[in-house]
Protein backbone atom coordinates (compact mmCIF):
# COMPACT_ATOMS: atom_id res chain seq x y z
CA UNK A 1 78.11 184.75 271.44
CA UNK A 2 80.46 187.63 270.80
CA UNK A 3 83.42 185.62 272.11
CA UNK A 4 82.54 182.69 269.86
CA UNK A 5 82.46 185.03 266.84
CA UNK A 6 85.89 186.47 267.79
CA UNK A 7 87.29 182.97 268.13
CA UNK A 8 85.85 181.96 264.76
CA UNK A 9 87.35 185.04 263.11
CA UNK A 10 90.70 184.22 264.66
CA UNK A 11 90.50 180.67 263.28
CA UNK A 12 89.52 181.94 259.86
CA UNK A 13 92.44 184.41 259.82
CA UNK A 14 94.82 181.64 260.82
CA UNK A 15 93.35 179.44 258.13
CA UNK A 16 93.86 182.13 255.56
CA UNK A 17 97.40 182.67 256.70
CA UNK A 18 98.11 179.00 256.35
CA UNK A 19 96.54 178.97 252.91
CA UNK A 20 98.68 181.80 251.54
CA UNK A 21 101.93 180.55 253.06
CA UNK A 22 104.84 180.56 250.49
CA UNK A 23 105.35 177.26 248.68
CA UNK A 24 108.61 175.76 247.40
CA UNK A 25 108.60 175.87 243.61
CA UNK A 26 110.70 173.36 241.63
CA UNK A 27 112.05 174.80 238.37
CA UNK A 28 112.71 172.26 235.66
CA UNK A 29 116.24 172.35 234.23
CA UNK A 30 116.48 172.69 230.49
CA UNK A 31 119.32 171.56 228.23
CA UNK A 32 120.90 175.02 228.28
CA UNK A 33 120.88 175.18 232.10
CA UNK A 34 122.47 171.74 232.39
CA UNK A 35 125.14 172.69 229.84
CA UNK A 36 126.08 175.85 231.80
CA UNK A 37 126.29 173.87 235.07
CA UNK A 38 128.48 171.25 233.37
CA UNK A 39 130.84 173.94 232.08
CA UNK A 40 131.08 175.47 235.55
CA UNK A 41 131.95 172.08 237.03
CA UNK A 42 134.67 171.50 234.41
CA UNK A 43 136.21 174.90 235.09
CA UNK A 44 136.66 174.04 238.77
CA UNK A 45 139.96 172.19 239.05
CA UNK A 46 140.68 170.20 242.20
CA UNK A 47 143.44 171.55 244.40
CA UNK A 48 146.59 169.47 244.20
CA UNK A 49 147.52 167.73 247.46
CA UNK A 50 150.70 168.59 249.27
CA UNK A 51 153.68 166.37 248.45
CA UNK A 52 154.37 163.52 250.83
CA UNK A 53 156.80 163.95 253.69
CA UNK A 54 157.38 160.35 254.80
CA UNK A 55 159.44 157.65 253.17
CA UNK A 56 162.70 157.69 251.19
CA UNK A 57 163.25 160.19 248.39
CA UNK A 58 164.56 158.65 245.14
CA UNK A 59 165.43 159.91 241.66
CA UNK A 60 162.94 158.66 239.07
CA UNK A 61 163.54 158.86 235.32
CA UNK A 62 160.33 159.95 233.58
CA UNK A 63 159.22 161.13 230.14
CA UNK A 64 158.46 164.63 231.45
CA UNK A 65 160.92 167.44 230.70
CA UNK A 66 161.07 170.68 232.63
CA UNK A 67 160.25 173.76 230.54
CA UNK A 68 161.41 177.23 231.44
CA UNK A 69 161.21 180.58 229.67
CA UNK A 70 164.59 182.28 229.30
CA UNK A 71 163.22 185.80 229.02
CA UNK A 72 159.88 187.54 229.22
CA UNK A 73 157.95 187.28 225.97
CA UNK A 74 154.87 189.24 224.90
CA UNK A 75 151.40 187.86 225.45
CA UNK A 76 149.70 185.56 222.96
CA UNK A 77 146.76 186.91 220.99
CA UNK A 78 144.01 184.54 219.93
CA UNK A 79 142.11 185.14 216.67
CA UNK A 80 139.17 183.32 215.13
CA UNK A 81 139.72 182.47 211.46
CA UNK A 82 137.18 181.69 208.73
CA UNK A 83 138.41 180.66 205.27
CA UNK A 84 135.87 180.78 202.45
CA UNK A 85 135.83 179.84 198.81
CA UNK A 86 135.03 182.47 196.22
CA UNK A 87 131.39 181.29 196.27
CA UNK A 88 131.11 181.81 200.04
CA UNK A 89 131.40 178.16 201.14
CA UNK A 90 133.75 177.21 203.96
CA UNK A 91 136.98 175.41 203.02
CA UNK A 92 136.75 171.84 204.30
CA UNK A 93 140.30 170.51 203.86
CA UNK A 94 142.69 171.28 206.72
CA UNK A 95 145.69 170.97 204.39
CA UNK A 96 144.18 173.53 202.04
CA UNK A 97 143.41 175.85 204.95
CA UNK A 98 147.04 175.68 206.06
CA UNK A 99 148.23 176.53 202.53
CA UNK A 100 145.87 179.51 202.37
CA UNK A 101 147.08 180.83 205.75
CA UNK A 102 150.72 180.36 204.72
CA UNK A 103 150.10 182.25 201.48
CA UNK A 104 148.33 185.04 203.37
CA UNK A 105 151.29 185.36 205.74
CA UNK A 106 153.65 185.65 202.78
CA UNK A 107 151.49 188.05 200.76
CA UNK A 108 150.37 190.39 203.55
CA UNK A 109 153.48 190.29 205.72
CA UNK A 110 153.70 194.09 206.06
CA UNK A 111 149.96 194.48 206.76
CA UNK A 112 150.31 191.87 209.52
CA UNK A 113 153.24 193.70 211.13
CA UNK A 114 155.45 190.70 210.22
CA UNK A 115 153.92 188.66 213.04
CA UNK A 116 154.45 184.90 213.04
CA UNK A 117 151.40 182.66 213.08
CA UNK A 118 150.61 179.48 214.97
CA UNK A 119 147.60 177.97 213.20
CA UNK A 120 145.85 174.77 214.31
CA UNK A 121 144.32 174.04 210.88
CA UNK A 122 140.77 174.83 211.98
CA UNK A 123 139.53 178.13 213.44
CA UNK A 124 142.24 179.10 215.93
CA UNK A 125 145.21 181.29 215.08
CA UNK A 126 147.70 182.65 217.60
CA UNK A 127 150.28 185.42 217.36
CA UNK A 128 152.97 186.75 219.68
CA UNK A 129 151.84 190.33 220.11
CA UNK A 130 148.73 191.85 218.62
CA UNK A 131 147.95 192.45 214.96
CA UNK A 132 147.35 196.01 213.70
CA UNK A 133 143.53 195.62 213.86
CA UNK A 134 141.07 193.40 215.68
CA UNK A 135 139.17 192.51 212.49
CA UNK A 136 141.01 191.75 209.26
CA UNK A 137 139.86 190.58 205.83
CA UNK A 138 142.18 189.22 203.15
CA UNK A 139 141.88 187.84 199.64
CA UNK A 140 144.36 185.06 198.80
CA UNK A 141 144.98 183.55 195.37
CA UNK A 142 146.40 180.04 195.06
CA UNK A 143 147.47 178.37 191.83
CA UNK A 144 146.04 174.90 191.32
CA UNK A 145 149.37 173.75 189.86
CA UNK A 146 152.68 175.47 190.48
CA UNK A 147 154.95 176.34 187.57
CA UNK A 148 157.60 173.87 188.65
CA UNK A 149 155.10 171.01 188.39
CA UNK A 150 154.14 171.74 184.77
CA UNK A 151 155.79 168.96 182.79
CA UNK A 152 156.47 168.51 179.08
CA UNK A 153 152.92 167.35 178.43
CA UNK A 154 152.10 165.78 175.10
CA UNK A 155 154.99 167.14 173.05
CA UNK A 156 156.29 164.52 170.64
CA UNK A 157 159.58 166.33 170.14
CA UNK A 158 160.25 166.52 173.88
CA UNK A 159 160.79 170.26 173.66
CA UNK A 160 158.42 173.10 174.48
CA UNK A 161 158.01 176.10 172.21
CA UNK A 162 157.59 179.62 173.68
CA UNK A 163 154.02 179.57 172.38
CA UNK A 164 153.26 176.43 174.39
CA UNK A 165 154.90 177.88 177.51
CA UNK A 166 152.68 180.96 177.22
CA UNK A 167 149.64 178.79 176.81
CA UNK A 168 150.55 176.80 179.91
CA UNK A 169 151.05 179.97 181.93
CA UNK A 170 147.67 181.18 180.73
CA UNK A 171 146.05 177.91 181.78
CA UNK A 172 147.82 178.16 185.11
CA UNK A 173 146.44 181.64 185.74
CA UNK A 174 142.96 180.60 184.68
CA UNK A 175 143.07 177.66 187.13
CA UNK A 176 143.97 179.90 190.08
CA UNK A 177 141.53 179.81 193.00
CA UNK A 178 140.53 182.74 195.18
CA UNK A 179 139.91 182.47 198.92
CA UNK A 180 138.64 184.93 201.48
CA UNK A 181 140.05 185.06 205.01
CA UNK A 182 138.19 186.67 207.90
CA UNK A 183 140.08 187.15 211.16
CA UNK A 184 138.58 188.49 214.38
CA UNK A 185 140.17 189.02 217.79
CA UNK A 186 139.03 186.65 220.55
CA UNK A 187 141.18 187.06 223.65
CA UNK A 188 144.59 187.81 225.09
CA UNK A 189 146.47 184.93 226.71
CA UNK A 190 149.05 185.95 229.30
CA UNK A 191 152.37 184.16 228.96
CA UNK A 192 153.16 185.00 232.58
CA UNK A 193 150.07 183.04 233.63
CA UNK A 194 151.42 179.98 231.77
CA UNK A 195 154.86 179.99 233.36
CA UNK A 196 153.70 181.01 236.85
CA UNK A 197 153.91 177.87 239.00
CA UNK A 198 152.09 179.42 241.96
CA UNK A 199 148.92 180.27 240.02
CA UNK A 200 146.02 177.86 240.09
CA UNK A 201 144.91 175.98 237.00
CA UNK A 202 142.03 177.59 235.13
CA UNK A 203 140.58 178.23 231.68
CA UNK A 204 143.20 180.89 230.87
CA UNK A 205 146.09 178.59 231.76
CA UNK A 206 144.49 175.78 229.76
CA UNK A 207 144.29 178.05 226.70
CA UNK A 208 147.95 178.94 227.15
CA UNK A 209 148.97 175.28 227.09
CA UNK A 210 146.85 174.89 223.95
CA UNK A 211 148.87 177.65 222.28
CA UNK A 212 152.14 175.89 223.12
CA UNK A 213 150.83 172.60 221.73
CA UNK A 214 149.80 174.37 218.52
CA UNK A 215 153.25 175.90 218.12
CA UNK A 216 154.88 172.51 218.65
CA UNK A 217 152.56 170.85 216.12
CA UNK A 218 153.20 173.52 213.48
CA UNK A 219 156.97 173.25 213.97
CA UNK A 220 156.79 169.47 213.45
CA UNK A 221 154.78 169.97 210.24
CA UNK A 222 157.45 172.29 208.86
CA UNK A 223 160.04 169.58 209.55
CA UNK A 224 158.05 167.29 207.20
CA UNK A 225 156.75 165.05 209.95
CA UNK A 226 153.35 163.46 209.64
CA UNK A 227 151.23 165.30 212.23
CA UNK A 228 148.14 163.64 213.69
CA UNK A 229 146.77 165.86 216.44
CA UNK A 230 149.62 165.76 218.99
CA UNK A 231 151.41 162.76 217.42
CA UNK A 232 154.35 162.99 215.01
CA UNK A 233 155.83 160.40 212.67
CA UNK A 234 159.08 160.51 210.70
CA UNK A 235 159.59 158.97 207.26
CA UNK A 236 162.72 157.16 208.39
CA UNK A 237 162.52 153.50 207.33
CA UNK A 238 163.98 152.50 210.71
CA UNK A 239 160.62 153.34 212.24
CA UNK A 240 158.72 150.94 209.96
CA UNK A 241 157.65 147.40 210.82
CA UNK A 242 155.93 145.02 208.40
CA UNK A 243 152.53 143.92 209.70
CA UNK A 244 151.70 141.85 206.62
CA UNK A 245 149.08 142.31 203.93
CA UNK A 246 150.75 145.43 202.55
CA UNK A 247 150.34 147.26 205.85
CA UNK A 248 153.23 148.75 207.82
CA UNK A 249 153.38 150.02 211.36
CA UNK A 250 155.15 153.33 211.89
CA UNK A 251 156.59 154.27 215.27
CA UNK A 252 156.39 157.86 216.38
CA UNK A 253 155.82 159.94 219.46
CA UNK A 254 153.19 162.20 220.96
CA UNK A 255 153.85 165.28 223.03
CA UNK A 256 151.95 167.87 224.98
CA UNK A 257 152.63 170.53 227.57
CA UNK A 258 151.38 169.94 231.10
CA UNK A 259 151.16 172.11 234.18
CA UNK A 260 152.27 169.98 237.15
CA UNK A 261 153.25 170.60 240.75
CA UNK A 262 156.84 171.28 239.74
CA UNK A 263 155.86 173.77 237.05
CA UNK A 264 155.56 173.54 233.27
CA UNK A 265 156.62 170.22 231.71
CA UNK A 266 156.73 168.74 228.21
CA UNK A 267 155.47 165.15 228.14
CA UNK A 268 156.70 162.68 225.48
CA UNK A 269 155.05 159.31 224.81
CA UNK A 270 155.66 156.70 222.12
CA UNK A 271 152.87 155.88 219.69
CA UNK A 272 152.26 153.83 216.55
CA UNK A 273 150.08 154.23 213.47
CA UNK A 274 149.47 152.13 210.36
CA UNK A 275 150.46 153.14 206.82
CA UNK A 276 150.26 151.60 203.38
CA UNK A 277 153.40 149.82 202.20
CA UNK A 278 155.63 152.51 200.64
CA UNK A 279 156.55 152.02 196.99
CA UNK A 280 154.71 151.07 193.79
CA UNK A 281 150.96 150.59 193.95
CA UNK A 282 151.10 147.17 192.30
CA UNK A 283 153.53 145.88 194.96
CA UNK A 284 151.05 146.86 197.65
CA UNK A 285 148.17 145.11 195.86
CA UNK A 286 150.21 141.89 195.47
CA UNK A 287 151.08 141.90 199.18
CA UNK A 288 147.60 142.92 200.28
CA UNK A 289 145.83 140.16 198.33
CA UNK A 290 148.65 137.63 198.83
CA UNK A 291 149.01 136.78 195.13
CA UNK A 292 152.13 135.92 193.10
CA UNK A 293 151.86 138.35 190.16
CA UNK A 294 149.84 141.40 188.98
CA UNK A 295 147.61 139.34 186.67
CA UNK A 296 146.07 137.49 189.64
CA UNK A 297 144.95 140.65 191.43
CA UNK A 298 141.23 140.96 192.16
CA UNK A 299 140.63 144.42 190.68
CA UNK A 300 137.12 144.75 192.10
CA UNK A 301 138.58 144.43 195.60
CA UNK A 302 141.54 146.61 194.58
CA UNK A 303 139.16 149.39 193.54
CA UNK A 304 137.63 149.49 197.03
CA UNK A 305 141.06 149.33 198.66
CA UNK A 306 142.71 152.08 196.63
CA UNK A 307 139.90 154.63 196.70
CA UNK A 308 140.87 157.96 198.32
CA UNK A 309 144.51 156.95 198.84
CA UNK A 310 147.15 159.47 197.82
CA UNK A 311 149.78 158.60 195.25
CA UNK A 312 152.64 160.31 193.45
CA UNK A 313 153.30 160.06 189.72
CA UNK A 314 156.92 159.28 188.96
CA UNK A 315 157.39 161.21 185.70
CA UNK A 316 156.24 164.64 186.96
CA UNK A 317 156.41 164.23 190.76
CA UNK A 318 152.80 165.34 191.25
CA UNK A 319 150.45 164.00 193.90
CA UNK A 320 146.97 162.71 193.16
CA UNK A 321 144.09 161.09 195.03
CA UNK A 322 142.74 157.83 193.60
CA UNK A 323 139.05 157.95 192.68
CA UNK A 324 138.72 154.57 190.96
CA UNK A 325 139.91 152.32 188.13
CA UNK A 326 139.25 152.36 184.40
CA UNK A 327 136.73 149.95 182.91
CA UNK A 328 139.07 149.01 180.05
CA UNK A 329 142.71 147.95 180.04
CA UNK A 330 145.56 150.39 179.54
CA UNK A 331 146.00 149.46 175.83
CA UNK A 332 142.26 149.87 175.16
CA UNK A 333 141.39 153.01 177.18
CA UNK A 334 141.53 156.03 174.85
CA UNK A 335 141.47 159.78 175.34
CA UNK A 336 141.96 162.92 173.28
CA UNK A 337 145.54 164.17 173.53
CA UNK A 338 146.80 167.61 172.52
CA UNK A 339 149.93 167.42 170.38
CA UNK A 340 152.21 170.21 169.21
CA UNK A 341 151.75 170.74 165.45
CA UNK A 342 155.29 172.02 164.87
CA UNK A 343 158.17 174.10 166.15
CA UNK A 344 156.69 177.41 164.92
CA UNK A 345 155.66 179.78 167.69
CA UNK A 346 152.24 180.25 166.13
CA UNK A 347 151.66 176.51 165.64
CA UNK A 348 148.27 175.39 166.80
CA UNK A 349 147.76 172.46 169.11
CA UNK A 350 146.21 169.46 167.40
CA UNK A 351 144.09 166.81 169.06
CA UNK A 352 144.58 163.12 168.48
CA UNK A 353 142.83 160.14 169.99
CA UNK A 354 145.25 157.61 171.44
CA UNK A 355 145.43 154.98 174.13
CA UNK A 356 146.86 155.54 177.58
CA UNK A 357 149.49 152.90 176.90
CA UNK A 358 150.69 154.58 173.68
CA UNK A 359 150.80 157.98 175.32
CA UNK A 360 153.08 156.88 178.14
CA UNK A 361 155.32 154.65 176.00
CA UNK A 362 155.56 156.71 172.78
CA UNK A 363 154.97 160.30 173.89
CA UNK A 364 156.55 160.29 177.34
CA UNK A 365 159.05 157.48 176.58
CA UNK A 366 158.24 155.48 179.71
CA UNK A 367 158.86 151.74 179.55
CA UNK A 368 155.90 149.69 180.81
CA UNK A 369 156.33 145.98 181.57
CA UNK A 370 152.87 144.61 182.41
CA UNK A 371 150.46 147.58 182.43
CA UNK A 372 149.11 146.99 178.91
CA UNK A 373 146.57 144.36 180.00
CA UNK A 374 145.80 145.86 183.42
CA UNK A 375 143.29 148.58 184.35
CA UNK A 376 144.41 152.18 184.66
CA UNK A 377 144.28 154.14 187.89
CA UNK A 378 141.76 156.97 187.75
CA UNK A 379 142.77 160.08 189.68
CA UNK A 380 140.38 162.55 188.08
CA UNK A 381 136.76 163.60 188.45
CA UNK A 382 133.73 161.56 187.36
CA UNK A 383 133.05 163.93 184.46
CA UNK A 384 136.74 164.21 183.55
CA UNK A 385 138.81 161.12 184.40
CA UNK A 386 142.61 161.18 184.51
CA UNK A 387 144.22 157.80 183.80
CA UNK A 388 147.66 156.47 184.73
CA UNK A 389 149.23 153.01 184.33
CA UNK A 390 149.71 151.27 187.66
CA UNK A 391 153.48 151.10 187.10
CA UNK A 392 154.08 154.86 187.14
CA UNK A 393 152.54 155.50 190.56
CA UNK A 394 153.99 155.20 194.05
CA UNK A 395 152.25 155.72 197.36
CA UNK A 396 152.97 158.95 199.17
CA UNK A 397 154.61 158.37 202.55
CA UNK A 398 152.22 158.15 205.47
CA UNK A 399 149.00 157.35 203.71
CA UNK A 400 146.60 155.77 206.17
CA UNK A 401 145.89 152.13 205.60
CA UNK A 402 142.33 151.03 204.91
CA UNK A 403 143.32 147.46 205.69
CA UNK A 404 140.75 146.92 208.41
CA UNK A 405 137.93 148.39 206.32
CA UNK A 406 138.27 146.33 203.15
CA UNK A 407 138.74 142.82 204.57
């Protein structure tokens, strides 16, 4: 009996041991865990295989160019940039952000230790050598219209009095916009890591190549190339090809730095983009709609086609963005125009209601052939339209074509 009890106790103890044995627990992966694992996988770059040893060696002409650094240069410093309007909202336009950064570099050159910038148009700014502080705040003021773009306006005599010049300067100052720039240090990027051919590829080397691409893109923009990411297009007419319908193809090239087995290389590839036919707006509309003269243009379709395209006014060389068309014709659309009351310095500006056609022909002295019975181009705001005859506007080079969106 005692032995049976001992045996039963031994079985119960074994049963208990089996019951409390450790179990394998499966932990569910959340979105954050999967994202971290995906980033770790991307950071692991495969080792490059050894070059082949069999076969015949030949010289092959490629579009990769060897890059070497003549002398040791300081490290790159990466800064995060935020550009805000005066009301605290982020600036959305990349072109405006570039202008603000350029103005900040010119205004605060001494505070920035005269360092050159390489700015990608978004949040990344790079310098050669560090800035005086890790966190910097600037206030930049930009004029909405530069002094050189202020034209004669509505002066019947064709001359501007000193009083009118002062008034225009006052309006220019009142139209100035204020921006706030916040810069914070992110990381240091070693230039030696970029040019070192023996080092393995990694996040730091990838960031270094990104800096070089940004420098190349900014240099192309200063040379007045059209820059689209890593692609560049020149305004040379030799690069244009007529695709029909008022749309032109423009040949260009794309470039980027690459870290290959032989070291650092610059890769060049050819590329093509589409642009609107350069020249007068009315010529584009005639070609786009395949009509014989301006009076056969479908203006309802033209309104959809022209919206948001950039144009340049011939008489004052200013650029505008088309927002729509006028409801009335050029000889019927009226607005209130400010006219100089005399040559006296204290003469007050008088307002007179006149048509767009009369203003351009009589006040500005521009000859218009067929615009009188055609709609005006609206390049203003909904609450404050700005009208121009279609004859006085040309397309800015390298405006993207909306050809495939309006058919």
